Amino acid sequence: MNTMLFRTLMLFLAGYFAFHFFKGLFSGESPGPAVRGRKKSQPMDLKREDVEDAKFRDIEED
């Protein structure tokens, strides 16, 4: 009697995992990234005159 219960339980678990596997495989929905924390919506207090372009120089190779 115990082996029959064990086999039934294993069959149920295998079916459960197979169902969720195929459901995830064929659903086509991908979960979005989990975003935590508060949104920082304060604008930066910069003017066009405050921003400078970076100055680059070439590196001479030997």
C-alpha atoms as a PDB file:
ATOM      1  CA  MET A   1       0.000   0.000   0.000  1.00  0.00           C
ATOM      2  CA  ASN A   2       2.879   2.379   0.779  1.00  0.00           C
ATOM      3  CA  THR A   3       4.496   1.864  -2.618  1.00  0.00           C
ATOM      4  CA  MET A   4       1.230   2.683  -4.374  1.00  0.00           C
ATOM      5  CA  LEU A   5       0.926   5.934  -2.415  1.00  0.00           C
ATOM      6  CA  PHE A   6       4.559   6.785  -3.157  1.00  0.00           C
ATOM      7  CA  ARG A   7       4.143   6.135  -6.883  1.00  0.00           C
ATOM      8  CA  THR A   8       0.954   8.214  -6.988  1.00  0.00           C
ATOM      9  CA  LEU A   9       2.706  11.068  -5.226  1.00  0.00           C
ATOM     10  CA  MET A  10       5.711  10.893  -7.553  1.00  0.00           C
ATOM     11  CA  LEU A  11       3.440  10.806 -10.614  1.00  0.00           C
ATOM     12  CA  PHE A  12       1.555  13.839  -9.334  1.00  0.00           C
ATOM     13  CA  LEU A  13       4.806  15.753  -8.706  1.00  0.00           C
ATOM     14  CA  ALA A  14       6.205  14.851 -12.133  1.00  0.00           C
ATOM     15  CA  GLY A  15       2.981  16.021 -13.801  1.00  0.00           C
ATOM     16  CA  TYR A  16       2.979  19.232 -11.764  1.00  0.00           C
ATOM     17  CA  PHE A  17       6.551  20.115 -12.732  1.00  0.00           C
ATOM     18  CA  ALA A  18       6.012  19.141 -16.363  1.00  0.00           C
ATOM     19  CA  PHE A  19       2.895  21.335 -16.529  1.00  0.00           C
ATOM     20  CA  HIS A  20       4.746  24.369 -15.188  1.00  0.00           C
ATOM     21  CA  PHE A  21       7.745  23.712 -17.405  1.00  0.00           C
ATOM     22  CA  PHE A  22       5.681  23.580 -20.589  1.00  0.00           C
ATOM     23  CA  LYS A  23       3.504  26.476 -19.457  1.00  0.00           C
ATOM     24  CA  GLY A  24       6.596  28.650 -19.058  1.00  0.00           C
ATOM     25  CA  LEU A  25       8.079  27.385 -22.299  1.00  0.00           C
ATOM     26  CA  PHE A  26       5.057  28.155 -24.461  1.00  0.00           C
ATOM     27  CA  SER A  27       3.602  31.202 -22.720  1.00  0.00           C
ATOM     28  CA  GLY A  28       6.035  33.600 -24.409  1.00  0.00           C
ATOM     29  CA  GLU A  29       5.886  36.057 -21.526  1.00  0.00           C
ATOM     30  CA  SER A  30       9.160  37.029 -19.981  1.00  0.00           C
ATOM     31  CA  PRO A  31       9.061  38.578 -16.546  1.00  0.00           C
ATOM     32  CA  GLY A  32      10.405  42.096 -16.295  1.00  0.00           C
ATOM     33  CA  PRO A  33      13.285  43.009 -14.046  1.00  0.00           C
ATOM     34  CA  ALA A  34      12.541  43.478 -10.380  1.00  0.00           C
ATOM     35  CA  VAL A  35      13.046  47.144  -9.574  1.00  0.00           C
ATOM     36  CA  ARG A  36      13.281  48.192  -5.964  1.00  0.00           C
ATOM     37  CA  GLY A  37      13.676  51.525  -4.287  1.00  0.00           C
ATOM     38  CA  ARG A  38      12.213  54.931  -4.870  1.00  0.00           C
ATOM     39  CA  LYS A  39      12.259  56.741  -8.168  1.00  0.00           C
ATOM     40  CA  LYS A  40      14.579  59.714  -8.175  1.00  0.00           C
ATOM     41  CA  SER A  41      12.572  62.298 -10.050  1.00  0.00           C
ATOM     42  CA  GLN A  42      14.398  65.429  -8.924  1.00  0.00           C
ATOM     43  CA  PRO A  43      15.779  67.286 -11.948  1.00  0.00           C
ATOM     44  CA  MET A  44      19.421  68.253 -11.969  1.00  0.00           C
ATOM     45  CA  ASP A  45      20.029  71.945 -11.403  1.00  0.00           C
ATOM     46  CA  LEU A  46      22.374  72.475 -14.372  1.00  0.00           C
ATOM     47  CA  LYS A  47      22.544  75.175 -16.977  1.00  0.00           C
ATOM     48  CA  ARG A  48      24.050  74.873 -20.416  1.00  0.00           C
ATOM     49  CA  GLU A  49      26.917  77.130 -19.331  1.00  0.00           C
ATOM     50  CA  ASP A  50      27.771  74.763 -16.452  1.00  0.00           C
ATOM     51  CA  VAL A  51      28.453  71.791 -18.721  1.00  0.00           C
ATOM     52  CA  GLU A  52      31.785  71.394 -20.521  1.00  0.00           C
ATOM     53  CA  ASP A  53      32.808  68.901 -23.160  1.00  0.00           C
ATOM     54  CA  ALA A  54      35.520  66.444 -22.235  1.00  0.00           C
ATOM     55  CA  LYS A  55      38.925  67.111 -23.704  1.00  0.00           C
ATOM     56  CA  PHE A  56      40.563  64.062 -25.231  1.00  0.00           C
ATOM     57  CA  ARG A  57      44.081  63.575 -26.455  1.00  0.00           C
ATOM     58  CA  ASP A  58      45.523  60.805 -28.564  1.00  0.00           C
ATOM     59  CA  ILE A  59      47.843  58.272 -26.979  1.00  0.00           C
ATOM     60  CA  GLU A  60      50.986  57.793 -28.981  1.00  0.00           C
ATOM     61  CA  GLU A  61      51.872  54.156 -29.496  1.00  0.00           C
ATOM     62  CA  ASP A  62      55.494  53.058 -29.868  1.00  0.00           C
END
